[in-house]
Amino acid sequence: MQFQGPPLVQAACLLRDVRPWGRVDTASVEVPESVSRLVGQPTDSWKAPLRRWLAHLGLSEQDVGGPLDAPVSAAAREDGAAVSARYFVIHDTSWPWFGAHDFPPEADPHMNDLSRYAHASTALAHVFVNRLGRTLTTHDFSEPWRATKLEMRAAGVPVKGLFLHVELVQPRRSDPAGPAGNDAQAPLPGFTPAQYDMLALLYLAASVRAGEGLIPALHGALDEGLIDGHDDPQNFLLTAFAAALARLEQQLSALSVP
């Protein structure tokens, strides 16, 4: 399975803004240059500088989804051939939920506690990223995993392995205009600079393992039109993700110079 068009056309569709109550913008986005330079392009040359950058940051390869030398997950075609993961799906946790209360400071320990997502059998993504940019890998990027309505209901088992999933911690509160107990209101800005920086790092790590730049996608855009489709990630700024990728590319390029 894949969406129509070449990788950049698919990215332009799957990165459309997701709004409260699961509404998705109708018009395709203009994919920023720092993203378009990577999508569908070979990534082998980034492995060595990425490994050095991780060491500089004091991060392990496990912190970014698993060993850089290992392949990503794959799905099996009807003829038995393996198809490597193509999509890098961005979610928000929509949790913790604060009801009618104000959102806490970004450094709030309760909000940033990743241990709640540590049980692999129930974790709905490969990697979780808290508001401070720290990560928890619950499933290696090599493990086929499903985390969207599209995969679990519409497309089913044949697509298991085509999608890699990253959850960004984002608290929610109730919208007073909505029904009781709703979680429609997300903070502004939706995510922290540390989260965007880590998201860029995870995207490149996954793409290096895939051998080419993966197609980034927003969860809500994937689930568009499905009953109970999700409304995340809320207040996601594609420009902020692109800027983080551009910074990372610059940092790695400096490490590539002898």
Protein backbone atom coordinates (compact mmCIF):
# COMPACT_ATOMS: atom_id res chain seq x y z
CA MET A 1 0.00 0.00 0.00
CA GLN A 2 1.02 3.57 -0.66
CA PHE A 3 -0.73 6.85 -1.30
CA GLN A 4 -0.89 8.28 -4.79
CA GLY A 5 1.99 10.18 -6.32
CA PRO A 6 5.74 10.43 -5.76
CA PRO A 7 7.04 10.85 -2.19
CA LEU A 8 6.92 14.66 -2.13
CA VAL A 9 3.35 14.73 -3.43
CA GLN A 10 2.35 12.27 -0.73
CA ALA A 11 4.13 14.34 1.93
CA ALA A 12 2.30 17.48 0.79
CA CYS A 13 -0.99 15.68 1.35
CA LEU A 14 -0.12 13.88 4.58
CA LEU A 15 1.33 16.98 6.30
CA ARG A 16 -1.90 18.97 6.07
CA ASP A 17 -2.76 20.76 9.29
CA VAL A 18 -4.95 18.86 11.76
CA ARG A 19 -7.45 20.97 13.68
CA PRO A 20 -9.64 20.31 16.74
CA TRP A 21 -12.32 17.65 16.39
CA GLY A 22 -10.32 15.91 13.66
CA ARG A 23 -10.82 18.47 10.91
CA VAL A 24 -8.00 18.39 8.36
CA ASP A 25 -7.14 21.22 5.98
CA THR A 26 -8.21 20.43 2.42
CA ALA A 27 -5.30 21.99 0.54
CA SER A 28 -1.95 20.25 0.26
CA VAL A 29 0.92 22.04 1.96
CA GLU A 30 4.08 23.38 0.42
CA VAL A 31 6.79 21.06 1.71
CA PRO A 32 9.64 23.18 3.14
CA GLU A 33 13.02 22.89 1.45
CA SER A 34 14.80 21.23 4.37
CA VAL A 35 12.17 18.48 4.33
CA SER A 36 11.93 18.12 0.55
CA ARG A 37 15.72 17.70 0.33
CA LEU A 38 15.41 14.49 2.32
CA VAL A 39 12.09 12.89 1.36
CA GLY A 40 12.69 10.02 -1.04
CA GLN A 41 16.41 10.76 -1.30
CA PRO A 42 19.34 8.46 -0.33
CA THR A 43 20.44 8.88 3.29
CA ASP A 44 23.47 6.60 3.61
CA SER A 45 25.91 9.52 3.76
CA TRP A 46 24.26 10.80 6.95
CA LYS A 47 24.92 7.69 9.05
CA ALA A 48 28.49 8.42 10.17
CA PRO A 49 27.95 12.09 11.09
CA LEU A 50 24.65 11.20 12.78
CA ARG A 51 26.43 8.62 14.91
CA ARG A 52 29.06 11.21 15.91
CA TRP A 53 26.34 13.75 16.70
CA LEU A 54 24.54 11.29 18.96
CA ALA A 55 27.79 10.69 20.83
CA HIS A 56 28.26 14.46 21.15
CA LEU A 57 24.77 14.77 22.65
CA GLY A 58 25.34 11.84 25.01
CA LEU A 59 22.54 9.86 23.38
CA SER A 60 22.52 6.18 22.52
CA GLU A 61 21.13 4.76 19.30
CA GLN A 62 18.43 3.16 21.43
CA ASP A 63 17.31 6.67 22.38
CA VAL A 64 16.46 7.32 18.72
CA GLY A 65 14.60 4.13 17.89
CA GLY A 66 17.36 1.54 17.83
CA PRO A 67 20.63 0.63 16.06
CA LEU A 68 21.45 2.71 13.00
CA ASP A 69 22.84 -0.36 11.24
CA ALA A 70 19.57 -2.28 11.60
CA PRO A 71 16.82 -2.04 8.98
CA VAL A 72 13.44 -0.52 9.69
CA SER A 73 10.29 -2.61 9.78
CA ALA A 74 8.79 -4.07 6.64
CA ALA A 75 5.41 -5.27 5.43
CA ALA A 76 4.85 -8.41 3.39
CA ARG A 77 3.29 -8.09 -0.05
CA GLU A 78 0.86 -10.68 -1.38
CA ASP A 79 3.71 -12.28 -3.34
CA GLY A 80 5.74 -12.60 -0.14
CA ALA A 81 8.22 -9.84 -0.95
CA ALA A 82 9.11 -7.45 1.87
CA VAL A 83 8.37 -3.74 1.51
CA SER A 84 10.38 -1.47 3.80
CA ALA A 85 8.65 1.15 5.96
CA ARG A 86 7.84 4.27 3.96
CA TYR A 87 6.05 6.58 6.39
CA PHE A 88 7.13 8.47 9.51
CA VAL A 89 3.95 9.26 11.42
CA ILE A 90 3.81 12.13 13.91
CA HIS A 91 1.30 11.90 16.77
CA ASP A 92 0.58 13.69 20.01
CA THR A 93 -0.31 11.81 23.16
CA SER A 94 -3.30 14.04 24.01
CA TRP A 95 -2.31 13.35 27.60
CA PRO A 96 -2.10 14.21 30.46
CA TRP A 97 -5.63 15.61 30.51
CA PHE A 98 -6.20 18.61 32.76
CA GLY A 99 -9.94 19.10 32.35
CA ALA A 100 -10.81 22.71 33.11
CA HIS A 101 -7.45 23.45 34.77
CA ASP A 102 -4.63 25.47 33.25
CA PHE A 103 -1.70 23.71 31.63
CA PRO A 104 1.32 23.34 33.93
CA PRO A 105 4.83 24.65 33.15
CA GLU A 106 6.66 22.74 30.42
CA ALA A 107 9.07 21.23 32.96
CA ASP A 108 6.26 19.74 35.08
CA PRO A 109 7.48 16.29 36.26
CA HIS A 110 4.07 14.64 36.01
CA MET A 111 3.56 15.78 32.43
CA ASN A 112 7.06 14.68 31.40
CA ASP A 113 6.99 11.27 33.07
CA LEU A 114 7.53 8.79 30.24
CA SER A 115 7.17 5.73 32.45
CA ARG A 116 3.41 5.71 31.81
CA TYR A 117 4.20 4.68 28.21
CA ALA A 118 6.82 2.06 29.09
CA HIS A 119 4.71 -1.08 28.67
CA ALA A 120 5.51 -2.33 25.18
CA SER A 121 2.31 -4.36 24.89
CA THR A 122 0.16 -1.25 25.25
CA ALA A 123 2.49 1.46 23.93
CA LEU A 124 0.95 2.93 20.79
CA ALA A 125 4.14 4.16 19.14
CA HIS A 126 7.75 3.24 18.54
CA VAL A 127 9.15 6.28 20.36
CA PHE A 128 7.73 8.84 22.80
CA VAL A 129 9.18 12.35 23.24
CA ASN A 130 8.38 14.45 26.30
CA ARG A 131 8.21 18.25 26.50
CA LEU A 132 11.91 18.38 27.44
CA GLY A 133 12.95 16.46 24.33
CA ARG A 134 13.75 13.24 26.18
CA THR A 135 12.75 9.97 24.60
CA LEU A 136 11.52 6.50 25.41
CA THR A 137 11.81 3.78 22.76
CA THR A 138 9.10 1.21 23.40
CA HIS A 139 9.39 -0.57 20.05
CA ASP A 140 12.52 -0.59 17.91
CA PHE A 141 11.93 0.94 14.48
CA SER A 142 12.54 -2.56 13.11
CA GLU A 143 9.36 -3.87 14.78
CA PRO A 144 6.21 -3.74 12.64
CA TRP A 145 3.60 -1.83 14.60
CA ARG A 146 0.19 -0.29 13.94
CA ALA A 147 -1.06 2.86 15.66
CA THR A 148 -3.66 4.51 13.43
CA LYS A 149 -7.26 3.78 12.48
CA LEU A 150 -6.10 3.53 8.87
CA GLU A 151 -3.78 0.64 9.70
CA MET A 152 -6.00 -1.16 12.17
CA ARG A 153 -9.41 -0.79 10.54
CA ALA A 154 -9.23 0.33 6.93
CA ALA A 155 -6.07 -1.25 5.51
CA GLY A 156 -5.47 -4.01 8.04
CA VAL A 157 -2.60 -6.44 8.56
CA PRO A 158 -1.07 -6.14 5.05
CA VAL A 159 0.22 -2.63 5.86
CA LYS A 160 1.71 -3.54 9.24
CA GLY A 161 5.34 -2.49 9.02
CA LEU A 162 4.96 0.37 6.51
CA PHE A 163 4.56 3.04 9.19
CA LEU A 164 6.92 4.20 11.94
CA HIS A 165 5.25 6.05 14.81
CA VAL A 166 6.47 8.84 17.09
CA GLU A 167 4.32 10.29 19.88
CA LEU A 168 5.05 13.81 21.11
CA VAL A 169 3.80 14.42 24.63
CA GLN A 170 1.13 17.09 24.51
CA PRO A 171 -1.29 17.80 27.35
CA ARG A 172 -4.93 18.51 26.66
CA ARG A 173 -7.77 20.24 28.45
CA SER A 174 -11.48 20.54 27.79
CA ASP A 175 -12.92 23.06 25.38
CA PRO A 176 -15.74 24.76 27.31
CA ALA A 177 -17.76 24.92 24.09
CA GLY A 178 -17.61 21.15 23.62
CA PRO A 179 -19.23 18.18 25.33
CA ALA A 180 -18.31 17.23 28.89
CA GLY A 181 -14.97 15.47 29.24
CA ASN A 182 -13.65 16.44 25.82
CA ASP A 183 -9.92 16.90 25.25
CA ALA A 184 -10.08 19.26 22.29
CA GLN A 185 -7.93 22.08 23.65
CA ALA A 186 -4.17 21.83 23.21
CA PRO A 187 -1.50 24.31 24.33
CA LEU A 188 -0.13 27.07 22.14
CA PRO A 189 2.54 26.57 21.01
CA GLY A 190 1.68 22.93 20.57
CA PHE A 191 5.21 21.61 21.06
CA THR A 192 8.49 22.79 22.51
CA PRO A 193 11.69 23.56 20.59
CA ALA A 194 13.29 20.55 22.30
CA GLN A 195 10.56 18.31 20.91
CA TYR A 196 11.03 19.60 17.37
CA ASP A 197 14.80 19.10 17.64
CA MET A 198 14.33 15.52 18.82
CA LEU A 199 11.68 14.87 16.19
CA ALA A 200 14.15 15.93 13.50
CA LEU A 201 16.77 13.62 15.00
CA LEU A 202 14.32 10.70 15.06
CA TYR A 203 13.22 11.38 11.50
CA LEU A 204 16.78 11.33 10.22
CA ALA A 205 17.70 8.25 12.27
CA ALA A 206 14.71 6.35 10.89
CA SER A 207 15.44 7.55 7.36
CA VAL A 208 19.09 6.50 7.60
CA ARG A 209 17.96 3.02 8.57
CA ALA A 210 15.43 2.98 5.72
CA GLY A 211 18.09 4.03 3.20
CA GLU A 212 16.04 7.00 2.01
CA GLY A 213 14.12 9.91 3.46
CA LEU A 214 10.79 8.65 4.78
CA ILE A 215 7.50 10.35 3.96
CA PRO A 216 6.45 12.38 7.01
CA ALA A 217 2.76 12.26 7.87
CA LEU A 218 0.44 13.60 10.55
CA HIS A 219 -1.78 11.07 12.30
CA GLY A 220 -4.98 13.03 11.72
CA ALA A 221 -4.29 13.32 8.00
CA LEU A 222 -3.85 9.54 7.75
CA ASP A 223 -7.14 8.92 9.56
CA GLU A 224 -9.08 11.56 7.61
CA GLY A 225 -12.58 10.40 6.74
CA LEU A 226 -12.56 7.42 9.10
CA ILE A 227 -15.03 7.08 11.96
CA ASP A 228 -13.38 8.17 15.23
CA GLY A 229 -10.33 9.38 13.31
CA HIS A 230 -7.88 11.19 15.55
CA ASP A 231 -7.27 14.92 15.86
CA ASP A 232 -3.54 14.89 16.44
CA PRO A 233 -1.01 16.37 16.39
CA GLN A 234 -2.65 19.63 17.42
CA ASN A 235 -0.91 22.95 16.74
CA PHE A 236 1.96 21.25 14.93
CA LEU A 237 4.15 23.74 13.08
CA LEU A 238 5.64 22.29 9.93
CA THR A 239 7.90 25.34 9.74
CA ALA A 240 9.33 24.52 13.19
CA PHE A 241 9.99 20.92 12.19
CA ALA A 242 11.64 22.11 8.98
CA ALA A 243 13.81 24.58 10.89
CA ALA A 244 14.90 21.81 13.27
CA LEU A 245 15.82 19.62 10.30
CA ALA A 246 17.79 22.47 8.73
CA ARG A 247 19.73 23.01 11.97
CA LEU A 248 20.44 19.30 12.24
CA GLU A 249 21.61 19.10 8.65
CA GLN A 250 23.96 22.02 9.25
CA GLN A 251 25.34 20.41 12.41
CA LEU A 252 25.90 17.08 10.69
CA SER A 253 27.44 18.71 7.63
CA ALA A 254 30.02 20.35 9.90
CA LEU A 255 30.84 16.92 11.34
CA SER A 256 31.28 15.51 7.84
CA VAL A 257 34.14 17.88 7.05
CA PRO A 258 37.53 16.17 7.68
